[in-house]
Protein backbone atom coordinates (compact mmCIF):
# COMPACT_ATOMS: atom_id res chain seq x y z
CA MET A 1 -12.96 -37.45 -4.23
CA LYS A 2 -9.21 -37.17 -3.57
CA LYS A 3 -8.62 -36.89 -7.31
CA ILE A 4 -11.11 -34.01 -7.59
CA VAL A 5 -9.50 -32.16 -4.69
CA GLY A 6 -6.06 -32.66 -6.23
CA ILE A 7 -7.19 -31.23 -9.56
CA PHE A 8 -8.73 -28.21 -7.80
CA VAL A 9 -5.50 -27.47 -5.89
CA CYS A 10 -3.49 -27.70 -9.13
CA ILE A 11 -5.84 -25.23 -10.79
CA LEU A 12 -5.36 -22.81 -7.90
CA LEU A 13 -1.58 -23.04 -8.10
CA ILE A 14 -1.55 -22.61 -11.86
CA GLY A 15 -3.82 -19.58 -11.54
CA THR A 16 -1.31 -17.83 -9.35
CA VAL A 17 1.48 -17.97 -11.90
CA LEU A 18 -0.13 -17.80 -15.33
CA PRO A 19 0.42 -14.44 -17.07
CA VAL A 20 -2.40 -12.50 -18.62
CA SER A 21 -1.82 -11.68 -22.28
CA GLY A 22 -1.48 -8.05 -23.21
CA ILE A 23 -0.36 -6.92 -19.73
CA GLU A 24 3.25 -6.05 -19.03
CA MET A 25 4.82 -5.19 -15.73
CA VAL A 26 6.68 -1.87 -15.96
CA GLU A 27 9.01 -0.56 -13.26
CA ARG A 28 7.72 2.80 -12.11
CA THR A 29 9.63 5.64 -10.51
CA PRO A 30 8.35 8.44 -8.29
CA ILE A 31 7.22 11.70 -9.81
CA SER A 32 10.12 14.09 -10.17
CA THR A 33 9.94 16.97 -7.74
CA SER A 34 11.28 19.21 -10.50
CA LEU A 35 7.89 19.07 -12.17
CA GLY A 36 6.39 21.54 -9.73
CA ASP A 37 6.72 23.54 -6.55
CA THR A 38 7.24 22.37 -2.97
CA LEU A 39 4.68 23.26 -0.32
CA TYR A 40 5.67 22.91 3.34
CA VAL A 41 3.54 21.82 6.29
CA GLY A 42 4.53 22.46 9.92
CA GLY A 43 7.92 23.80 10.91
CA SER A 44 8.69 27.47 11.38
CA GLY A 45 9.24 28.68 7.84
CA PRO A 46 7.29 31.65 6.48
CA GLY A 47 4.20 30.64 4.56
CA ASN A 48 4.17 27.06 5.85
CA TYR A 49 0.75 25.43 6.06
CA SER A 50 -0.59 24.25 9.40
CA THR A 51 -2.45 21.20 8.04
CA ILE A 52 -1.66 18.63 5.38
CA GLN A 53 -5.09 18.99 3.80
CA GLU A 54 -4.68 22.74 3.40
CA ALA A 55 -1.40 22.21 1.55
CA ILE A 56 -2.92 19.57 -0.73
CA ASP A 57 -5.86 21.86 -1.50
CA ASN A 58 -3.43 24.56 -2.62
CA ALA A 59 -1.12 22.23 -4.57
CA SER A 60 -1.15 21.57 -8.29
CA ASP A 61 -0.38 18.35 -10.17
CA GLY A 62 3.35 17.63 -10.01
CA ASP A 63 3.93 19.52 -6.76
CA THR A 64 5.50 18.12 -3.61
CA VAL A 65 3.92 18.50 -0.18
CA PHE A 66 6.69 18.13 2.40
CA VAL A 67 5.57 17.62 6.00
CA TYR A 68 7.87 18.50 8.90
CA ASP A 69 7.74 16.51 12.10
CA ASP A 70 7.79 19.65 14.30
CA SER A 71 3.98 19.78 14.47
CA SER A 72 3.48 16.01 14.64
CA PRO A 73 1.16 14.31 15.29
CA TYR A 74 -1.15 15.73 12.62
CA ASN A 75 -4.65 15.13 13.95
CA GLU A 76 -6.62 15.34 10.72
CA THR A 77 -9.61 13.02 10.70
CA PHE A 78 -9.70 12.64 6.90
CA ILE A 79 -7.09 13.61 4.31
CA ALA A 80 -8.19 13.59 0.66
CA VAL A 81 -5.37 13.29 -1.86
CA ASP A 82 -6.98 14.35 -5.12
CA LYS A 83 -3.92 15.85 -6.83
CA SER A 84 -1.02 14.07 -8.58
CA ILE A 85 1.60 14.95 -5.97
CA ASN A 86 4.48 13.70 -3.88
CA LEU A 87 3.40 13.60 -0.23
CA ILE A 88 6.59 13.22 1.82
CA GLY A 89 7.21 13.21 5.56
CA GLU A 90 10.41 14.39 7.20
CA ASP A 91 10.93 11.14 9.12
CA ARG A 92 8.65 8.13 9.20
CA GLU A 93 9.27 7.53 12.90
CA THR A 94 8.32 11.05 13.97
CA THR A 95 6.03 12.40 11.23
CA ILE A 96 2.76 10.93 12.40
CA ILE A 97 -0.64 11.28 10.75
CA GLU A 98 -3.54 10.47 13.07
CA GLY A 99 -6.06 10.51 10.28
CA HIS A 100 -7.43 8.40 7.44
CA ILE A 101 -5.87 9.05 4.01
CA ARG A 102 -7.87 8.49 0.83
CA VAL A 103 -6.16 8.68 -2.57
CA SER A 104 -8.52 9.18 -5.50
CA THR A 105 -6.33 10.31 -8.39
CA ASN A 106 -3.45 8.96 -10.50
CA TRP A 107 0.31 9.44 -10.07
CA VAL A 108 0.67 9.88 -6.32
CA ASN A 109 3.68 9.01 -4.16
CA ILE A 110 3.39 8.77 -0.37
CA SER A 111 6.50 8.12 1.72
CA GLU A 112 8.13 8.58 5.14
CA PHE A 113 5.05 8.72 7.40
CA THR A 114 3.57 6.85 10.29
CA ILE A 115 -0.12 6.53 9.36
CA GLN A 116 -2.41 5.52 12.19
CA ARG A 117 -5.93 5.44 10.77
CA GLY A 118 -5.49 3.60 7.53
CA LEU A 119 -4.89 4.31 3.85
CA HIS A 120 -7.47 3.76 1.09
CA ILE A 121 -6.51 3.94 -2.59
CA PHE A 122 -9.60 3.97 -4.78
CA SER A 123 -9.83 3.70 -8.58
CA CYS A 124 -6.31 4.99 -9.29
CA ASN A 125 -3.33 4.21 -11.51
CA ASN A 126 0.40 4.53 -10.86
CA ILE A 127 0.59 4.95 -7.09
CA ASN A 128 3.73 4.42 -4.99
CA ILE A 129 3.41 3.78 -1.25
CA THR A 130 6.99 3.48 -0.03
CA GLY A 131 8.84 3.64 3.29
CA ASN A 132 5.88 4.16 5.64
CA ARG A 133 4.63 2.66 8.89
CA ILE A 134 0.93 1.82 8.77
CA THR A 135 0.00 0.86 12.27
CA ASP A 136 -2.63 0.79 15.00
CA THR A 137 -5.41 1.75 12.62
CA TYR A 138 -8.84 2.42 14.08
CA PHE A 139 -10.33 1.12 10.84
CA ILE A 140 -10.47 -2.54 9.83
CA MET A 141 -7.84 -2.20 7.09
CA GLY A 142 -4.29 -0.83 7.35
CA ILE A 143 -4.00 -0.43 3.55
CA TRP A 144 -7.05 -0.94 1.33
CA LEU A 145 -6.67 -1.05 -2.47
CA THR A 146 -9.86 -0.96 -4.54
CA SER A 147 -10.18 -0.99 -8.36
CA ASN A 148 -6.63 0.14 -9.09
CA SER A 149 -3.80 -0.66 -11.50
CA ASN A 150 -0.04 -0.22 -11.42
CA ILE A 151 0.31 0.13 -7.65
CA ILE A 152 3.59 -0.35 -5.80
CA ILE A 153 3.54 -1.14 -2.07
CA ARG A 154 7.20 -1.37 -1.07
CA PHE A 155 9.42 -1.05 2.04
CA ASN A 156 6.52 -0.39 4.43
CA THR A 157 5.94 -1.78 7.90
CA ILE A 158 2.31 -2.81 8.25
CA HIS A 159 1.81 -3.45 11.93
CA ASN A 160 -0.91 -4.14 14.49
CA ASN A 161 -3.99 -3.84 12.27
CA ILE A 162 -7.01 -6.13 11.94
CA PHE A 163 -6.32 -6.54 8.21
CA GLY A 164 -2.83 -5.44 7.20
CA LEU A 165 -3.53 -5.20 3.46
CA VAL A 166 -6.71 -5.80 1.46
CA VAL A 167 -6.54 -5.83 -2.35
CA VAL A 168 -9.82 -5.85 -4.31
CA GLN A 169 -10.24 -5.76 -8.10
CA CYS A 170 -6.69 -4.63 -8.86
CA ILE A 171 -4.39 -5.37 -11.77
CA ASN A 172 -0.70 -5.22 -12.53
CA SER A 173 0.67 -4.29 -9.10
CA ILE A 174 3.68 -5.11 -6.92
CA ILE A 175 3.73 -5.80 -3.18
CA GLU A 176 7.31 -6.39 -2.14
CA LYS A 177 9.81 -6.09 0.70
CA ASN A 178 7.27 -5.02 3.30
CA ASN A 179 7.07 -6.09 6.95
CA PHE A 180 3.77 -7.67 7.98
CA ILE A 181 3.89 -7.82 11.77
CA ASP A 182 1.24 -8.45 14.46
CA ASN A 183 -1.77 -8.03 12.18
CA ARG A 184 -4.76 -10.24 12.92
CA ILE A 185 -4.87 -11.09 9.19
CA HIS A 186 -1.82 -9.95 7.26
CA ALA A 187 -3.32 -9.83 3.76
CA TYR A 188 -6.44 -10.73 1.80
CA PHE A 189 -7.39 -10.30 -1.85
CA SER A 190 -10.39 -10.63 -4.13
CA PHE A 191 -10.41 -10.73 -7.94
CA ILE A 192 -6.88 -9.52 -8.68
CA VAL A 193 -4.86 -10.04 -11.85
CA ARG A 194 -1.09 -9.85 -12.25
CA THR A 195 -0.50 -8.71 -8.69
CA PHE A 196 2.89 -9.92 -7.50
CA TRP A 197 3.89 -10.62 -3.90
CA ASP A 198 7.63 -10.92 -3.41
CA SER A 199 10.21 -10.92 -0.60
CA ASN A 200 7.88 -9.63 2.12
CA TYR A 201 8.49 -10.45 5.77
CA TRP A 202 5.58 -12.28 7.39
CA ASP A 203 5.75 -12.92 11.10
CA ARG A 204 4.40 -16.28 12.28
CA LEU A 205 5.79 -17.89 9.11
CA THR A 206 8.06 -20.75 10.10
CA GLY A 207 10.68 -22.32 7.90
CA ASN A 208 12.00 -21.37 4.50
CA ARG A 209 8.83 -21.88 2.50
CA PRO A 210 6.42 -19.80 0.39
CA LYS A 211 3.80 -17.70 2.13
CA ILE A 212 0.23 -18.52 1.08
CA ILE A 213 -2.07 -15.50 0.77
CA PHE A 214 -5.71 -16.53 0.87
CA GLY A 215 -8.41 -14.77 -1.09
CA SER A 216 -11.12 -15.26 -3.67
CA PHE A 217 -11.68 -15.02 -7.39
CA GLY A 218 -14.67 -14.17 -9.57
CA LEU A 219 -16.53 -10.89 -9.97
CA ILE A 220 -18.43 -11.42 -6.73
CA GLY A 221 -15.61 -13.18 -4.93
CA ILE A 222 -17.19 -16.59 -4.36
CA ILE A 223 -14.36 -18.85 -5.59
CA PRO A 224 -11.63 -19.52 -3.02
CA TRP A 225 -8.18 -18.74 -4.42
CA ILE A 226 -4.58 -18.33 -3.34
CA ASN A 227 -1.58 -16.19 -4.23
CA LEU A 228 2.00 -16.93 -3.18
CA ASP A 229 4.95 -14.95 -1.92
CA ARG A 230 7.53 -17.45 -3.11
CA ASN A 231 10.55 -15.72 -1.57
CA PRO A 232 9.49 -14.42 1.85
CA ALA A 233 12.16 -12.63 3.87
CA GLN A 234 13.46 -14.57 6.88
CA GLU A 235 14.06 -11.45 8.96
CA PRO A 236 12.16 -8.14 9.13
CA TYR A 237 13.52 -5.25 7.12
CA ASP A 238 14.97 -2.26 8.91
CA ILE A 239 12.15 0.08 7.96
């Protein structure tokens, strides 16, 4: 019995590090703001939009929607990001969205917000979520990734959620240098391939050792599996 258990654990560990042929990790950069126009939300400028959704609805692919903190918090129950845009807040500490954000298109960058009702990225490619605070969500998940590829989750503080991050059926993504603090469950995954966890800060992790992320494998998620953050940060990042 001990021998069988030992073989199973070895298989799990090997599965976390074996590459998948034909898939290559490529460093991705945000969309250049020079590709389009900039639309402004809040503030006192002429022609500024009063809601984030209104600005997104009037944007075109390649545009930037810049959100001032003057009118924060933005109480928008549901924000649909269905354009390939940069969505940028003025200051992540003071530009607060009290609404659920759902991204459903490719090539989107979201940065410099406090998001308080969760973020769902569904069936997308090439998404950057950088420099945000995802906290106190009313939903189960702080960030929820479903059926995506080439996603970067970097330099975010994911705080005080039931699930900090849930990754389902995703491929070729990077989750690095984030703070996971005071979540009931920091992270969970199911059926992911070539998703790398690196240098995140995990509270409640003691000692200089890898962080085990528990999840499942198989199309219906019935096989227990693990991923590893082999180089967890010892102190939280100043995000």
